[in-house]
Amino acid sequence: MRKLTHFAWAGTLVSVALTSAALLLPGPLPRVVAMSVGQGAGILALSLFLLAIALDLGVGRVLVENVNEQRRGVRDDQSHEK
């Protein structure tokens, strides 16, 4: 959990740095590349942060339980069809 949040804030810093560098770089191509990579880093950082929150709240356990229940239901349905 702690590593996820560390990667999240590091990704956020990279994103902010790249977006800020886009303001200082001359020419359109370096700006487009810096802002695109910066946006990708920001989206990755947000995803990691949301994953850390979900794991902390125990959402993953609930999702796994739901998937297992659905699989059991499909198996029961298949056995009744035979």
C-alpha atoms as a PDB file:
ATOM      1  CA  MET A   1       0.000   0.000   0.000  1.00  0.00           C
ATOM      2  CA  ARG A   2       2.753   2.370   0.946  1.00  0.00           C
ATOM      3  CA  LYS A   3       4.662   1.640  -2.268  1.00  0.00           C
ATOM      4  CA  LEU A   4       1.571   2.381  -4.349  1.00  0.00           C
ATOM      5  CA  THR A   5       1.157   5.784  -2.751  1.00  0.00           C
ATOM      6  CA  HIS A   6       4.873   6.520  -3.167  1.00  0.00           C
ATOM      7  CA  PHE A   7       4.687   5.664  -6.870  1.00  0.00           C
ATOM      8  CA  ALA A   8       1.525   7.771  -7.107  1.00  0.00           C
ATOM      9  CA  TRP A   9       3.105  10.903  -5.706  1.00  0.00           C
ATOM     10  CA  ALA A  10       6.290  10.332  -7.713  1.00  0.00           C
ATOM     11  CA  GLY A  11       4.192  10.019 -10.872  1.00  0.00           C
ATOM     12  CA  THR A  12       2.356  13.193  -9.954  1.00  0.00           C
ATOM     13  CA  LEU A  13       5.634  15.061  -9.553  1.00  0.00           C
ATOM     14  CA  VAL A  14       6.847  13.751 -12.922  1.00  0.00           C
ATOM     15  CA  SER A  15       3.579  14.819 -14.498  1.00  0.00           C
ATOM     16  CA  VAL A  16       3.763  18.313 -13.055  1.00  0.00           C
ATOM     17  CA  ALA A  17       7.430  18.641 -14.059  1.00  0.00           C
ATOM     18  CA  LEU A  18       6.753  17.578 -17.641  1.00  0.00           C
ATOM     19  CA  THR A  19       3.741  19.824 -17.964  1.00  0.00           C
ATOM     20  CA  SER A  20       5.744  22.732 -16.551  1.00  0.00           C
ATOM     21  CA  ALA A  21       8.634  21.978 -18.895  1.00  0.00           C
ATOM     22  CA  ALA A  22       6.202  22.130 -21.796  1.00  0.00           C
ATOM     23  CA  LEU A  23       5.713  25.808 -21.018  1.00  0.00           C
ATOM     24  CA  LEU A  24       9.446  26.462 -21.220  1.00  0.00           C
ATOM     25  CA  LEU A  25      10.364  24.359 -24.250  1.00  0.00           C
ATOM     26  CA  PRO A  26      10.466  26.157 -27.570  1.00  0.00           C
ATOM     27  CA  GLY A  27       8.571  24.694 -30.490  1.00  0.00           C
ATOM     28  CA  PRO A  28       5.346  22.777 -30.734  1.00  0.00           C
ATOM     29  CA  LEU A  29       6.678  19.198 -30.954  1.00  0.00           C
ATOM     30  CA  PRO A  30       8.546  19.168 -27.624  1.00  0.00           C
ATOM     31  CA  ARG A  31       5.475  20.716 -25.992  1.00  0.00           C
ATOM     32  CA  VAL A  32       3.122  18.109 -27.398  1.00  0.00           C
ATOM     33  CA  VAL A  33       5.435  15.263 -26.373  1.00  0.00           C
ATOM     34  CA  ALA A  34       6.037  16.680 -22.874  1.00  0.00           C
ATOM     35  CA  MET A  35       2.356  17.303 -22.262  1.00  0.00           C
ATOM     36  CA  SER A  36       1.336  13.879 -23.602  1.00  0.00           C
ATOM     37  CA  VAL A  37       3.865  12.032 -21.472  1.00  0.00           C
ATOM     38  CA  GLY A  38       2.948  14.265 -18.535  1.00  0.00           C
ATOM     39  CA  GLN A  39      -0.716  13.439 -18.960  1.00  0.00           C
ATOM     40  CA  GLY A  40       0.087   9.726 -19.158  1.00  0.00           C
ATOM     41  CA  ALA A  41       2.155   9.928 -15.976  1.00  0.00           C
ATOM     42  CA  GLY A  42      -0.660  11.795 -14.258  1.00  0.00           C
ATOM     43  CA  ILE A  43      -3.260   9.226 -15.280  1.00  0.00           C
ATOM     44  CA  LEU A  44      -0.999   6.409 -14.084  1.00  0.00           C
ATOM     45  CA  ALA A  45      -0.421   8.187 -10.773  1.00  0.00           C
ATOM     46  CA  LEU A  46      -4.149   8.709 -10.265  1.00  0.00           C
ATOM     47  CA  SER A  47      -4.841   5.064 -11.101  1.00  0.00           C
ATOM     48  CA  LEU A  48      -2.251   3.879  -8.583  1.00  0.00           C
ATOM     49  CA  PHE A  49      -3.674   6.175  -5.913  1.00  0.00           C
ATOM     50  CA  LEU A  50      -7.235   4.954  -6.532  1.00  0.00           C
ATOM     51  CA  LEU A  51      -5.991   1.358  -6.434  1.00  0.00           C
ATOM     52  CA  ALA A  52      -4.336   2.021  -3.073  1.00  0.00           C
ATOM     53  CA  ILE A  53      -7.607   3.455  -1.746  1.00  0.00           C
ATOM     54  CA  ALA A  54      -9.605   0.500  -3.065  1.00  0.00           C
ATOM     55  CA  LEU A  55      -7.205  -1.984  -1.487  1.00  0.00           C
ATOM     56  CA  ASP A  56      -7.290  -0.094   1.781  1.00  0.00           C
ATOM     57  CA  LEU A  57     -11.081  -0.186   1.840  1.00  0.00           C
ATOM     58  CA  GLY A  58     -11.116  -3.894   1.050  1.00  0.00           C
ATOM     59  CA  VAL A  59     -12.918  -3.482  -2.265  1.00  0.00           C
ATOM     60  CA  GLY A  60     -10.733  -6.138  -3.844  1.00  0.00           C
ATOM     61  CA  ARG A  61     -11.917  -8.782  -1.399  1.00  0.00           C
ATOM     62  CA  VAL A  62     -15.548  -7.995  -2.155  1.00  0.00           C
ATOM     63  CA  LEU A  63     -14.927  -8.143  -5.907  1.00  0.00           C
ATOM     64  CA  VAL A  64     -13.193 -11.514  -5.622  1.00  0.00           C
ATOM     65  CA  GLU A  65     -16.062 -12.862  -3.531  1.00  0.00           C
ATOM     66  CA  ASN A  66     -18.587 -11.665  -6.127  1.00  0.00           C
ATOM     67  CA  VAL A  67     -16.651 -13.271  -8.981  1.00  0.00           C
ATOM     68  CA  ASN A  68     -16.413 -16.558  -7.065  1.00  0.00           C
ATOM     69  CA  GLU A  69     -20.152 -16.493  -6.372  1.00  0.00           C
ATOM     70  CA  GLN A  70     -20.891 -15.862 -10.050  1.00  0.00           C
ATOM     71  CA  ARG A  71     -18.603 -18.731 -11.080  1.00  0.00           C
ATOM     72  CA  ARG A  72     -20.341 -21.055  -8.654  1.00  0.00           C
ATOM     73  CA  GLY A  73     -23.687 -19.947 -10.065  1.00  0.00           C
ATOM     74  CA  VAL A  74     -22.562 -20.635 -13.645  1.00  0.00           C
ATOM     75  CA  ARG A  75     -21.279 -24.081 -12.659  1.00  0.00           C
ATOM     76  CA  ASP A  76     -24.566 -24.876 -10.908  1.00  0.00           C
ATOM     77  CA  ASP A  77     -26.511 -23.767 -13.980  1.00  0.00           C
ATOM     78  CA  GLN A  78     -24.349 -25.930 -16.246  1.00  0.00           C
ATOM     79  CA  SER A  79     -24.772 -28.988 -14.042  1.00  0.00           C
ATOM     80  CA  HIS A  80     -28.579 -28.571 -14.094  1.00  0.00           C
ATOM     81  CA  GLU A  81     -28.568 -28.405 -17.907  1.00  0.00           C
ATOM     82  CA  LYS A  82     -26.857 -31.793 -18.253  1.00  0.00           C
END
